[in-house]
mmCIF file of all heavy atoms, coordinates in Angstrom:
data_MODEL
# 
_entry.id   MODEL 
# 
loop_
_atom_site.group_PDB 
_atom_site.id 
_atom_site.type_symbol 
_atom_site.label_atom_id 
_atom_site.label_alt_id 
_atom_site.label_comp_id 
_atom_site.label_asym_id 
_atom_site.label_entity_id 
_atom_site.label_seq_id 
_atom_site.pdbx_PDB_ins_code 
_atom_site.Cartn_x 
_atom_site.Cartn_y 
_atom_site.Cartn_z 
_atom_site.occupancy 
_atom_site.B_iso_or_equiv 
_atom_site.pdbx_formal_charge 
_atom_site.auth_seq_id 
_atom_site.auth_comp_id 
_atom_site.auth_asym_id 
_atom_site.auth_atom_id 
_atom_site.pdbx_PDB_model_num 
ATOM 1   N N   . GLY A 1 1  ? 0.847  -1.184  0.000  1.00 0.00 ? 1  GLY A N   1 
ATOM 2   C CA  . GLY A 1 1  ? 0.000  0.000   0.000  1.00 0.00 ? 1  GLY A CA  1 
ATOM 3   C C   . GLY A 1 1  ? 0.877  1.227   0.000  1.00 0.00 ? 1  GLY A C   1 
ATOM 4   O O   . GLY A 1 1  ? 2.100  1.149   -0.167 1.00 0.00 ? 1  GLY A O   1 
ATOM 5   N N   . PRO A 1 2  ? 0.287  2.400   0.218  1.00 0.00 ? 2  PRO A N   1 
ATOM 6   C CA  . PRO A 1 2  ? 1.101  3.612   0.337  1.00 0.00 ? 2  PRO A CA  1 
ATOM 7   C C   . PRO A 1 2  ? 1.980  3.558   1.572  1.00 0.00 ? 2  PRO A C   1 
ATOM 8   O O   . PRO A 1 2  ? 1.703  2.796   2.514  1.00 0.00 ? 2  PRO A O   1 
ATOM 9   C CB  . PRO A 1 2  ? 0.059  4.737   0.423  1.00 0.00 ? 2  PRO A CB  1 
ATOM 10  C CG  . PRO A 1 2  ? -1.178 4.067   0.917  1.00 0.00 ? 2  PRO A CG  1 
ATOM 11  C CD  . PRO A 1 2  ? -1.153 2.670   0.362  1.00 0.00 ? 2  PRO A CD  1 
ATOM 12  N N   . LEU A 1 3  ? 3.026  4.354   1.583  1.00 0.00 ? 3  LEU A N   1 
ATOM 13  C CA  . LEU A 1 3  ? 4.001  4.281   2.671  1.00 0.00 ? 3  LEU A CA  1 
ATOM 14  C C   . LEU A 1 3  ? 3.358  4.520   4.027  1.00 0.00 ? 3  LEU A C   1 
ATOM 15  O O   . LEU A 1 3  ? 3.725  3.873   5.018  1.00 0.00 ? 3  LEU A O   1 
ATOM 16  C CB  . LEU A 1 3  ? 5.129  5.280   2.416  1.00 0.00 ? 3  LEU A CB  1 
ATOM 17  C CG  . LEU A 1 3  ? 6.403  5.093   3.248  1.00 0.00 ? 3  LEU A CG  1 
ATOM 18  C CD1 . LEU A 1 3  ? 7.609  5.621   2.495  1.00 0.00 ? 3  LEU A CD1 1 
ATOM 19  C CD2 . LEU A 1 3  ? 6.318  5.791   4.598  1.00 0.00 ? 3  LEU A CD2 1 
ATOM 20  N N   . HIS A 1 4  ? 2.393  5.439   4.095  1.00 0.00 ? 4  HIS A N   1 
ATOM 21  C CA  . HIS A 1 4  ? 1.806  5.722   5.414  1.00 0.00 ? 4  HIS A CA  1 
ATOM 22  C C   . HIS A 1 4  ? 0.997  4.534   5.942  1.00 0.00 ? 4  HIS A C   1 
ATOM 23  O O   . HIS A 1 4  ? 0.716  4.461   7.141  1.00 0.00 ? 4  HIS A O   1 
ATOM 24  C CB  . HIS A 1 4  ? 0.938  6.988   5.363  1.00 0.00 ? 4  HIS A CB  1 
ATOM 25  C CG  . HIS A 1 4  ? -0.271 6.888   4.474  1.00 0.00 ? 4  HIS A CG  1 
ATOM 26  N ND1 . HIS A 1 4  ? -0.234 7.149   3.133  1.00 0.00 ? 4  HIS A ND1 1 
ATOM 27  C CD2 . HIS A 1 4  ? -1.559 6.556   4.759  1.00 0.00 ? 4  HIS A CD2 1 
ATOM 28  C CE1 . HIS A 1 4  ? -1.435 7.009   2.615  1.00 0.00 ? 4  HIS A CE1 1 
ATOM 29  N NE2 . HIS A 1 4  ? -2.259 6.639   3.572  1.00 0.00 ? 4  HIS A NE2 1 
ATOM 30  N N   . ALA A 1 5  ? 0.638  3.585   5.060  1.00 0.00 ? 5  ALA A N   1 
ATOM 31  C CA  . ALA A 1 5  ? -0.050 2.380   5.533  1.00 0.00 ? 5  ALA A CA  1 
ATOM 32  C C   . ALA A 1 5  ? 0.903  1.428   6.242  1.00 0.00 ? 5  ALA A C   1 
ATOM 33  O O   . ALA A 1 5  ? 0.456  0.493   6.921  1.00 0.00 ? 5  ALA A O   1 
ATOM 34  C CB  . ALA A 1 5  ? -0.725 1.676   4.357  1.00 0.00 ? 5  ALA A CB  1 
ATOM 35  N N   . LEU A 1 6  ? 2.213  1.643   6.092  1.00 0.00 ? 6  LEU A N   1 
ATOM 36  C CA  . LEU A 1 6  ? 3.194  0.807   6.791  1.00 0.00 ? 6  LEU A CA  1 
ATOM 37  C C   . LEU A 1 6  ? 3.192  1.089   8.288  1.00 0.00 ? 6  LEU A C   1 
ATOM 38  O O   . LEU A 1 6  ? 3.517  0.198   9.086  1.00 0.00 ? 6  LEU A O   1 
ATOM 39  C CB  . LEU A 1 6  ? 4.590  1.061   6.203  1.00 0.00 ? 6  LEU A CB  1 
ATOM 40  C CG  . LEU A 1 6  ? 5.760  0.329   6.836  1.00 0.00 ? 6  LEU A CG  1 
ATOM 41  C CD1 . LEU A 1 6  ? 5.598  -1.180  6.702  1.00 0.00 ? 6  LEU A CD1 1 
ATOM 42  C CD2 . LEU A 1 6  ? 7.079  0.779   6.185  1.00 0.00 ? 6  LEU A CD2 1 
ATOM 43  N N   . THR A 1 7  ? 2.841  2.304   8.683  1.00 0.00 ? 7  THR A N   1 
ATOM 44  C CA  . THR A 1 7  ? 2.892  2.680   10.101 1.00 0.00 ? 7  THR A CA  1 
ATOM 45  C C   . THR A 1 7  ? 2.011  1.780   10.965 1.00 0.00 ? 7  THR A C   1 
ATOM 46  O O   . THR A 1 7  ? 2.490  1.222   11.967 1.00 0.00 ? 7  THR A O   1 
ATOM 47  C CB  . THR A 1 7  ? 2.493  4.153   10.274 1.00 0.00 ? 7  THR A CB  1 
ATOM 48  O OG1 . THR A 1 7  ? 3.262  4.953   9.379  1.00 0.00 ? 7  THR A OG1 1 
ATOM 49  C CG2 . THR A 1 7  ? 2.738  4.616   11.701 1.00 0.00 ? 7  THR A CG2 1 
ATOM 50  N N   . PRO A 1 8  ? 0.724  1.609   10.652 1.00 0.00 ? 8  PRO A N   1 
ATOM 51  C CA  . PRO A 1 8  ? -0.069 0.691   11.499 1.00 0.00 ? 8  PRO A CA  1 
ATOM 52  C C   . PRO A 1 8  ? 0.404  -0.752  11.430 1.00 0.00 ? 8  PRO A C   1 
ATOM 53  O O   . PRO A 1 8  ? 0.239  -1.504  12.408 1.00 0.00 ? 8  PRO A O   1 
ATOM 54  C CB  . PRO A 1 8  ? -1.499 0.840   10.931 1.00 0.00 ? 8  PRO A CB  1 
ATOM 55  C CG  . PRO A 1 8  ? -1.346 1.444   9.582  1.00 0.00 ? 8  PRO A CG  1 
ATOM 56  C CD  . PRO A 1 8  ? -0.117 2.283   9.639  1.00 0.00 ? 8  PRO A CD  1 
ATOM 57  N N   . ILE A 1 9  ? 1.012  -1.162  10.316 1.00 0.00 ? 9  ILE A N   1 
ATOM 58  C CA  . ILE A 1 9  ? 1.556  -2.525  10.235 1.00 0.00 ? 9  ILE A CA  1 
ATOM 59  C C   . ILE A 1 9  ? 2.689  -2.693  11.244 1.00 0.00 ? 9  ILE A C   1 
ATOM 60  O O   . ILE A 1 9  ? 2.760  -3.691  11.976 1.00 0.00 ? 9  ILE A O   1 
ATOM 61  C CB  . ILE A 1 9  ? 2.042  -2.821  8.808  1.00 0.00 ? 9  ILE A CB  1 
ATOM 62  C CG1 . ILE A 1 9  ? 0.861  -2.877  7.843  1.00 0.00 ? 9  ILE A CG1 1 
ATOM 63  C CG2 . ILE A 1 9  ? 2.835  -4.123  8.765  1.00 0.00 ? 9  ILE A CG2 1 
ATOM 64  C CD1 . ILE A 1 9  ? 1.254  -3.076  6.396  1.00 0.00 ? 9  ILE A CD1 1 
ATOM 65  N N   . LEU A 1 10 ? 3.590  -1.710  11.306 1.00 0.00 ? 10 LEU A N   1 
ATOM 66  C CA  . LEU A 1 10 ? 4.687  -1.777  12.272 1.00 0.00 ? 10 LEU A CA  1 
ATOM 67  C C   . LEU A 1 10 ? 4.173  -1.678  13.700 1.00 0.00 ? 10 LEU A C   1 
ATOM 68  O O   . LEU A 1 10 ? 4.645  -2.395  14.599 1.00 0.00 ? 10 LEU A O   1 
ATOM 69  C CB  . LEU A 1 10 ? 5.689  -0.657  11.992 1.00 0.00 ? 10 LEU A CB  1 
ATOM 70  C CG  . LEU A 1 10 ? 6.491  -0.772  10.685 1.00 0.00 ? 10 LEU A CG  1 
ATOM 71  C CD1 . LEU A 1 10 ? 7.410  0.435   10.520 1.00 0.00 ? 10 LEU A CD1 1 
ATOM 72  C CD2 . LEU A 1 10 ? 7.301  -2.055  10.651 1.00 0.00 ? 10 LEU A CD2 1 
ATOM 73  N N   . LEU A 1 11 ? 3.196  -0.797  13.940 1.00 0.00 ? 11 LEU A N   1 
ATOM 74  C CA  . LEU A 1 11 ? 2.645  -0.663  15.294 1.00 0.00 ? 11 LEU A CA  1 
ATOM 75  C C   . LEU A 1 11 ? 2.051  -1.974  15.769 1.00 0.00 ? 11 LEU A C   1 
ATOM 76  O O   . LEU A 1 11 ? 2.235  -2.382  16.930 1.00 0.00 ? 11 LEU A O   1 
ATOM 77  C CB  . LEU A 1 11 ? 1.577  0.438   15.309 1.00 0.00 ? 11 LEU A CB  1 
ATOM 78  C CG  . LEU A 1 11 ? 2.083  1.880   15.186 1.00 0.00 ? 11 LEU A CG  1 
ATOM 79  C CD1 . LEU A 1 11 ? 0.902  2.833   15.023 1.00 0.00 ? 11 LEU A CD1 1 
ATOM 80  C CD2 . LEU A 1 11 ? 2.912  2.271   16.405 1.00 0.00 ? 11 LEU A CD2 1 
ATOM 81  N N   . LYS A 1 12 ? 1.342  -2.654  14.884 1.00 0.00 ? 12 LYS A N   1 
ATOM 82  C CA  . LYS A 1 12 ? 0.753  -3.944  15.257 1.00 0.00 ? 12 LYS A CA  1 
ATOM 83  C C   . LYS A 1 12 ? 1.832  -4.979  15.540 1.00 0.00 ? 12 LYS A C   1 
ATOM 84  O O   . LYS A 1 12 ? 1.727  -5.780  16.486 1.00 0.00 ? 12 LYS A O   1 
ATOM 85  C CB  . LYS A 1 12 ? -0.171 -4.424  14.134 1.00 0.00 ? 12 LYS A CB  1 
ATOM 86  C CG  . LYS A 1 12 ? -0.864 -5.736  14.439 1.00 0.00 ? 12 LYS A CG  1 
ATOM 87  C CD  . LYS A 1 12 ? -1.782 -6.157  13.296 1.00 0.00 ? 12 LYS A CD  1 
ATOM 88  C CE  . LYS A 1 12 ? -2.457 -7.493  13.598 1.00 0.00 ? 12 LYS A CE  1 
ATOM 89  N NZ  . LYS A 1 12 ? -3.335 -7.920  12.466 1.00 0.00 ? 12 LYS A NZ  1 
ATOM 90  N N   . ALA A 1 13 ? 2.897  -4.955  14.723 1.00 0.00 ? 13 ALA A N   1 
ATOM 91  C CA  . ALA A 1 13 ? 3.985  -5.922  14.939 1.00 0.00 ? 13 ALA A CA  1 
ATOM 92  C C   . ALA A 1 13 ? 4.729  -5.655  16.232 1.00 0.00 ? 13 ALA A C   1 
ATOM 93  O O   . ALA A 1 13 ? 5.259  -6.585  16.860 1.00 0.00 ? 13 ALA A O   1 
ATOM 94  C CB  . ALA A 1 13 ? 4.948  -5.869  13.758 1.00 0.00 ? 13 ALA A CB  1 
ATOM 95  N N   . PHE A 1 14 ? 4.799  -4.384  16.639 1.00 0.00 ? 14 PHE A N   1 
ATOM 96  C CA  . PHE A 1 14 ? 5.522  -4.023  17.861 1.00 0.00 ? 14 PHE A CA  1 
ATOM 97  C C   . PHE A 1 14 ? 4.719  -4.336  19.121 1.00 0.00 ? 14 PHE A C   1 
ATOM 98  O O   . PHE A 1 14 ? 5.258  -4.263  20.228 1.00 0.00 ? 14 PHE A O   1 
ATOM 99  C CB  . PHE A 1 14 ? 5.874  -2.542  17.854 1.00 0.00 ? 14 PHE A CB  1 
ATOM 100 C CG  . PHE A 1 14 ? 6.889  -2.151  16.799 1.00 0.00 ? 14 PHE A CG  1 
ATOM 101 C CD1 . PHE A 1 14 ? 6.998  -0.830  16.375 1.00 0.00 ? 14 PHE A CD1 1 
ATOM 102 C CD2 . PHE A 1 14 ? 7.724  -3.090  16.231 1.00 0.00 ? 14 PHE A CD2 1 
ATOM 103 C CE1 . PHE A 1 14 ? 7.929  -0.469  15.409 1.00 0.00 ? 14 PHE A CE1 1 
ATOM 104 C CE2 . PHE A 1 14 ? 8.651  -2.734  15.270 1.00 0.00 ? 14 PHE A CE2 1 
ATOM 105 C CZ  . PHE A 1 14 ? 8.755  -1.419  14.855 1.00 0.00 ? 14 PHE A CZ  1 
ATOM 106 N N   . GLU A 1 15 ? 3.448  -4.633  18.985 1.00 0.00 ? 15 GLU A N   1 
ATOM 107 C CA  . GLU A 1 15 ? 2.623  -4.937  20.151 1.00 0.00 ? 15 GLU A CA  1 
ATOM 108 C C   . GLU A 1 15 ? 2.920  -6.348  20.657 1.00 0.00 ? 15 GLU A C   1 
ATOM 109 O O   . GLU A 1 15 ? 3.591  -7.144  20.001 1.00 0.00 ? 15 GLU A O   1 
ATOM 110 C CB  . GLU A 1 15 ? 1.136  -4.815  19.799 1.00 0.00 ? 15 GLU A CB  1 
ATOM 111 C CG  . GLU A 1 15 ? 0.684  -3.383  19.558 1.00 0.00 ? 15 GLU A CG  1 
ATOM 112 C CD  . GLU A 1 15 ? -0.803 -3.309  19.261 1.00 0.00 ? 15 GLU A CD  1 
ATOM 113 O OE1 . GLU A 1 15 ? -1.480 -4.356  19.367 1.00 0.00 ? 15 GLU A OE1 1 
ATOM 114 O OE2 . GLU A 1 15 ? -1.282 -2.212  18.916 1.00 0.00 ? 15 GLU A OE2 1 
ATOM 115 N N   . ALA A 1 16 ? 2.385  -6.644  21.829 1.00 0.00 ? 16 ALA A N   1 
ATOM 116 C CA  . ALA A 1 16 ? 2.609  -7.965  22.434 1.00 0.00 ? 16 ALA A CA  1 
ATOM 117 C C   . ALA A 1 16 ? 2.017  -9.054  21.556 1.00 0.00 ? 16 ALA A C   1 
ATOM 118 O O   . ALA A 1 16 ? 0.907  -8.898  21.049 1.00 0.00 ? 16 ALA A O   1 
ATOM 119 C CB  . ALA A 1 16 ? 1.973  -8.012  23.818 1.00 0.00 ? 16 ALA A CB  1 
ATOM 120 N N   . PRO A 1 17 ? 2.727  -10.160 21.352 1.00 0.00 ? 17 PRO A N   1 
ATOM 121 C CA  . PRO A 1 17 ? 2.199  -11.245 20.512 1.00 0.00 ? 17 PRO A CA  1 
ATOM 122 C C   . PRO A 1 17 ? 1.048  -11.959 21.196 1.00 0.00 ? 17 PRO A C   1 
ATOM 123 O O   . PRO A 1 17 ? 0.968  -12.025 22.419 1.00 0.00 ? 17 PRO A O   1 
ATOM 124 C CB  . PRO A 1 17 ? 3.401  -12.172 20.353 1.00 0.00 ? 17 PRO A CB  1 
ATOM 125 C CG  . PRO A 1 17 ? 4.246  -11.917 21.560 1.00 0.00 ? 17 PRO A CG  1 
ATOM 126 C CD  . PRO A 1 17 ? 4.061  -10.453 21.881 1.00 0.00 ? 17 PRO A CD  1 
ATOM 127 N N   . SER A 1 18 ? 0.150  -12.456 20.358 1.00 0.00 ? 18 SER A N   1 
ATOM 128 C CA  . SER A 1 18 ? -0.957 -13.253 20.896 1.00 0.00 ? 18 SER A CA  1 
ATOM 129 C C   . SER A 1 18 ? -0.440 -14.622 21.334 1.00 0.00 ? 18 SER A C   1 
ATOM 130 O O   . SER A 1 18 ? 0.600  -15.093 20.878 1.00 0.00 ? 18 SER A O   1 
ATOM 131 C CB  . SER A 1 18 ? -2.044 -13.434 19.829 1.00 0.00 ? 18 SER A CB  1 
ATOM 132 O OG  . SER A 1 18 ? -2.502 -12.169 19.383 1.00 0.00 ? 18 SER A OG  1 
ATOM 133 N N   . ALA A 1 19 ? -1.194 -15.277 22.193 1.00 0.00 ? 19 ALA A N   1 
ATOM 134 C CA  . ALA A 1 19 ? -0.747 -16.560 22.744 1.00 0.00 ? 19 ALA A CA  1 
ATOM 135 C C   . ALA A 1 19 ? -0.639 -17.640 21.671 1.00 0.00 ? 19 ALA A C   1 
ATOM 136 O O   . ALA A 1 19 ? 0.174  -18.555 21.780 1.00 0.00 ? 19 ALA A O   1 
ATOM 137 C CB  . ALA A 1 19 ? -1.732 -17.008 23.835 1.00 0.00 ? 19 ALA A CB  1 
ATOM 138 N N   . HIS A 1 20 ? -1.466 -17.544 20.600 1.00 0.00 ? 20 HIS A N   1 
ATOM 139 C CA  . HIS A 1 20 ? -1.472 -18.593 19.588 1.00 0.00 ? 20 HIS A CA  1 
ATOM 140 C C   . HIS A 1 20 ? -0.427 -18.368 18.513 1.00 0.00 ? 20 HIS A C   1 
ATOM 141 O O   . HIS A 1 20 ? -0.304 -19.192 17.598 1.00 0.00 ? 20 HIS A O   1 
ATOM 142 C CB  . HIS A 1 20 ? -2.859 -18.671 18.931 1.00 0.00 ? 20 HIS A CB  1 
ATOM 143 C CG  . HIS A 1 20 ? -3.218 -17.433 18.160 1.00 0.00 ? 20 HIS A CG  1 
ATOM 144 N ND1 . HIS A 1 20 ? -3.794 -16.335 18.769 1.00 0.00 ? 20 HIS A ND1 1 
ATOM 145 C CD2 . HIS A 1 20 ? -3.050 -17.113 16.842 1.00 0.00 ? 20 HIS A CD2 1 
ATOM 146 C CE1 . HIS A 1 20 ? -4.000 -15.400 17.849 1.00 0.00 ? 20 HIS A CE1 1 
ATOM 147 N NE2 . HIS A 1 20 ? -3.560 -15.846 16.681 1.00 0.00 ? 20 HIS A NE2 1 
ATOM 148 N N   . GLU A 1 21 ? 0.341  -17.255 18.572 1.00 0.00 ? 21 GLU A N   1 
ATOM 149 C CA  . GLU A 1 21 ? 1.280  -16.957 17.498 1.00 0.00 ? 21 GLU A CA  1 
ATOM 150 C C   . GLU A 1 21 ? 2.467  -17.910 17.524 1.00 0.00 ? 21 GLU A C   1 
ATOM 151 O O   . GLU A 1 21 ? 2.942  -18.340 18.575 1.00 0.00 ? 21 GLU A O   1 
ATOM 152 C CB  . GLU A 1 21 ? 1.803  -15.517 17.617 1.00 0.00 ? 21 GLU A CB  1 
ATOM 153 C CG  . GLU A 1 21 ? 0.836  -14.474 17.109 1.00 0.00 ? 21 GLU A CG  1 
ATOM 154 C CD  . GLU A 1 21 ? 1.493  -13.102 17.125 1.00 0.00 ? 21 GLU A CD  1 
ATOM 155 O OE1 . GLU A 1 21 ? 2.084  -12.741 18.155 1.00 0.00 ? 21 GLU A OE1 1 
ATOM 156 O OE2 . GLU A 1 21 ? 1.425  -12.407 16.103 1.00 0.00 ? 21 GLU A OE2 1 
ATOM 157 N N   . SER A 1 22 ? 2.947  -18.204 16.330 1.00 0.00 ? 22 SER A N   1 
ATOM 158 C CA  . SER A 1 22 ? 4.164  -19.003 16.201 1.00 0.00 ? 22 SER A CA  1 
ATOM 159 C C   . SER A 1 22 ? 5.359  -18.145 16.543 1.00 0.00 ? 22 SER A C   1 
ATOM 160 O O   . SER A 1 22 ? 5.335  -16.930 16.393 1.00 0.00 ? 22 SER A O   1 
ATOM 161 C CB  . SER A 1 22 ? 4.296  -19.522 14.765 1.00 0.00 ? 22 SER A CB  1 
ATOM 162 O OG  . SER A 1 22 ? 5.564  -20.083 14.566 1.00 0.00 ? 22 SER A OG  1 
ATOM 163 N N   . THR A 1 23 ? 6.408  -18.759 17.012 1.00 0.00 ? 23 THR A N   1 
ATOM 164 C CA  . THR A 1 23 ? 7.628  -18.023 17.347 1.00 0.00 ? 23 THR A CA  1 
ATOM 165 C C   . THR A 1 23 ? 8.735  -18.274 16.352 1.00 0.00 ? 23 THR A C   1 
ATOM 166 O O   . THR A 1 23 ? 9.879  -17.911 16.589 1.00 0.00 ? 23 THR A O   1 
ATOM 167 C CB  . THR A 1 23 ? 8.126  -18.417 18.750 1.00 0.00 ? 23 THR A CB  1 
ATOM 168 O OG1 . THR A 1 23 ? 8.362  -19.825 18.756 1.00 0.00 ? 23 THR A OG1 1 
ATOM 169 C CG2 . THR A 1 23 ? 7.117  -18.041 19.799 1.00 0.00 ? 23 THR A CG2 1 
ATOM 170 N N   . GLY A 1 24 ? 8.446  -18.877 15.232 1.00 0.00 ? 24 GLY A N   1 
ATOM 171 C CA  . GLY A 1 24 ? 9.485  -19.147 14.241 1.00 0.00 ? 24 GLY A CA  1 
ATOM 172 C C   . GLY A 1 24 ? 9.151  -18.539 12.902 1.00 0.00 ? 24 GLY A C   1 
ATOM 173 O O   . GLY A 1 24 ? 7.995  -18.319 12.572 1.00 0.00 ? 24 GLY A O   1 
ATOM 174 N N   . VAL A 1 25 ? 10.179 -18.279 12.124 1.00 0.00 ? 25 VAL A N   1 
ATOM 175 C CA  . VAL A 1 25 ? 10.020 -17.821 10.753 1.00 0.00 ? 25 VAL A CA  1 
ATOM 176 C C   . VAL A 1 25 ? 10.509 -18.965 9.885  1.00 0.00 ? 25 VAL A C   1 
ATOM 177 O O   . VAL A 1 25 ? 11.687 -19.084 9.595  1.00 0.00 ? 25 VAL A O   1 
ATOM 178 C CB  . VAL A 1 25 ? 10.818 -16.532 10.505 1.00 0.00 ? 25 VAL A CB  1 
ATOM 179 C CG1 . VAL A 1 25 ? 10.579 -16.029 9.090  1.00 0.00 ? 25 VAL A CG1 1 
ATOM 180 C CG2 . VAL A 1 25 ? 10.430 -15.459 11.506 1.00 0.00 ? 25 VAL A CG2 1 
ATOM 181 N N   . GLU A 1 26 ? 9.588  -19.818 9.496  1.00 0.00 ? 26 GLU A N   1 
ATOM 182 C CA  . GLU A 1 26 ? 9.996  -21.093 8.919  1.00 0.00 ? 26 GLU A CA  1 
ATOM 183 C C   . GLU A 1 26 ? 10.520 -20.969 7.494  1.00 0.00 ? 26 GLU A C   1 
ATOM 184 O O   . GLU A 1 26 ? 11.252 -21.829 7.030  1.00 0.00 ? 26 GLU A O   1 
ATOM 185 C CB  . GLU A 1 26 ? 8.805  -22.063 8.928  1.00 0.00 ? 26 GLU A CB  1 
ATOM 186 C CG  . GLU A 1 26 ? 8.359  -22.465 10.334 1.00 0.00 ? 26 GLU A CG  1 
ATOM 187 C CD  . GLU A 1 26 ? 7.396  -21.451 10.935 1.00 0.00 ? 26 GLU A CD  1 
ATOM 188 O OE1 . GLU A 1 26 ? 7.079  -20.471 10.246 1.00 0.00 ? 26 GLU A OE1 1 
ATOM 189 O OE2 . GLU A 1 26 ? 7.000  -21.648 12.091 1.00 0.00 ? 26 GLU A OE2 1 
ATOM 190 N N   . HIS A 1 27 ? 10.125 -19.928 6.762  1.00 0.00 ? 27 HIS A N   1 
ATOM 191 C CA  . HIS A 1 27 ? 10.363 -19.925 5.324  1.00 0.00 ? 27 HIS A CA  1 
ATOM 192 C C   . HIS A 1 27 ? 11.486 -18.982 4.913  1.00 0.00 ? 27 HIS A C   1 
ATOM 193 O O   . HIS A 1 27 ? 11.624 -18.688 3.736  1.00 0.00 ? 27 HIS A O   1 
ATOM 194 C CB  . HIS A 1 27 ? 9.074  -19.537 4.596  1.00 0.00 ? 27 HIS A CB  1 
ATOM 195 C CG  . HIS A 1 27 ? 7.916  -20.411 4.955  1.00 0.00 ? 27 HIS A CG  1 
ATOM 196 N ND1 . HIS A 1 27 ? 7.857  -21.736 4.590  1.00 0.00 ? 27 HIS A ND1 1 
ATOM 197 C CD2 . HIS A 1 27 ? 6.790  -20.143 5.670  1.00 0.00 ? 27 HIS A CD2 1 
ATOM 198 C CE1 . HIS A 1 27 ? 6.722  -22.260 5.056  1.00 0.00 ? 27 HIS A CE1 1 
ATOM 199 N NE2 . HIS A 1 27 ? 6.072  -21.323 5.715  1.00 0.00 ? 27 HIS A NE2 1 
# 
């Protein structure tokens, strides 16, 4: 998307992970 749409993506990633999230980057 446009560059300013990256901001909420980063904010969400910086928040605490949910309990069901994986902790690996498999690919």
